[in-house]
Amino acid sequence: MTGDRRIVASNLRALREIRKVAQEELAVRSGIDRSYISDLENEKYAISVDKLGNLAEALGVETWEMLHPATAARLRESKQA
């Protein structure tokens, strides 16, 4: 499970940073507490499917992109290009 948490944490942080969305703003958009978002980014918790969907919608991506191991790397590469 730790690998899955790491993937979600990395993708969540990368998506949020690339879209220039603060944790506070993402919390409002998704209806999820800001401290929980921070804990997710720090791999403290595993996320439920419902909350993962809320975050994906708030960030404008498909839910599967939050789970795909290559999402963060792809986003970082596209940002550098």
Protein backbone atom coordinates (compact mmCIF):
# COMPACT_ATOMS: atom_id res chain seq x y z
CA MET A 1 0.00 0.00 0.00
CA THR A 2 2.86 2.38 0.66
CA GLY A 3 3.68 2.49 -3.06
CA ASP A 4 0.11 3.50 -3.85
CA ARG A 5 0.21 6.22 -1.21
CA ARG A 6 3.46 7.50 -2.67
CA ILE A 7 1.97 7.64 -6.18
CA VAL A 8 -1.15 9.50 -5.04
CA ALA A 9 0.94 11.89 -2.92
CA SER A 10 3.31 12.66 -5.77
CA ASN A 11 0.53 13.11 -8.32
CA LEU A 12 -1.57 15.24 -5.99
CA ARG A 13 1.32 17.57 -5.21
CA ALA A 14 2.43 17.78 -8.88
CA LEU A 15 -1.07 18.50 -10.16
CA ARG A 16 -1.67 21.09 -7.48
CA GLU A 17 1.65 22.85 -8.09
CA ILE A 18 1.38 22.85 -11.89
CA ARG A 19 -2.14 24.27 -11.69
CA LYS A 20 -0.93 26.76 -9.06
CA VAL A 21 -3.61 25.74 -6.58
CA ALA A 22 -2.88 26.17 -2.87
CA GLN A 23 -3.98 23.46 -0.47
CA GLU A 24 -6.54 25.90 0.96
CA GLU A 25 -8.08 26.51 -2.46
CA LEU A 26 -8.11 22.80 -3.26
CA ALA A 27 -9.84 22.17 0.05
CA VAL A 28 -12.63 24.57 -0.89
CA ARG A 29 -12.96 23.19 -4.42
CA SER A 30 -13.02 19.54 -3.30
CA GLY A 31 -14.85 19.80 0.01
CA ILE A 32 -11.92 18.07 1.73
CA ASP A 33 -10.16 19.52 4.77
CA ARG A 34 -6.85 21.24 4.03
CA SER A 35 -4.99 19.34 6.74
CA TYR A 36 -6.19 16.04 5.23
CA ILE A 37 -4.85 17.13 1.83
CA SER A 38 -1.52 17.90 3.49
CA ASP A 39 -1.53 14.49 5.16
CA LEU A 40 -2.23 12.83 1.80
CA GLU A 41 0.68 14.67 0.19
CA ASN A 42 2.88 13.44 3.05
CA GLU A 43 1.70 9.81 2.61
CA LYS A 44 0.11 9.74 6.06
CA TYR A 45 -3.21 8.28 4.90
CA ALA A 46 -4.62 6.16 2.11
CA ILE A 47 -7.43 7.93 0.29
CA SER A 48 -10.94 6.64 -0.35
CA VAL A 49 -12.20 6.34 -3.91
CA ASP A 50 -14.84 9.01 -3.29
CA LYS A 51 -12.33 11.56 -2.00
CA LEU A 52 -9.90 10.71 -4.79
CA GLY A 53 -12.68 11.49 -7.25
CA ASN A 54 -13.40 14.80 -5.51
CA LEU A 55 -9.75 15.84 -5.73
CA ALA A 56 -9.46 14.76 -9.36
CA GLU A 57 -12.55 16.76 -10.29
CA ALA A 58 -11.29 19.81 -8.38
CA LEU A 59 -7.96 19.58 -10.25
CA GLY A 60 -9.59 19.00 -13.64
CA VAL A 61 -8.26 15.51 -14.30
CA GLU A 62 -9.63 12.00 -14.56
CA THR A 63 -9.50 9.89 -11.41
CA TRP A 64 -7.19 7.34 -13.05
CA GLU A 65 -4.57 10.06 -13.55
CA MET A 66 -4.30 10.41 -9.77
CA LEU A 67 -3.39 6.71 -9.60
CA HIS A 68 -1.08 6.37 -12.60
CA PRO A 69 2.60 6.08 -11.65
CA ALA A 70 3.79 8.23 -14.57
CA THR A 71 1.44 11.20 -14.09
CA ALA A 72 3.74 13.31 -11.90
CA ALA A 73 6.77 12.70 -14.12
CA ARG A 74 4.78 13.51 -17.27
CA LEU A 75 3.49 16.73 -15.72
CA ARG A 76 6.92 17.83 -14.57
CA GLU A 77 8.39 17.13 -18.02
CA SER A 78 5.66 19.11 -19.76
CA LYS A 79 6.23 22.01 -17.38
CA GLN A 80 9.94 22.10 -18.26
CA ALA A 81 9.26 22.03 -22.02
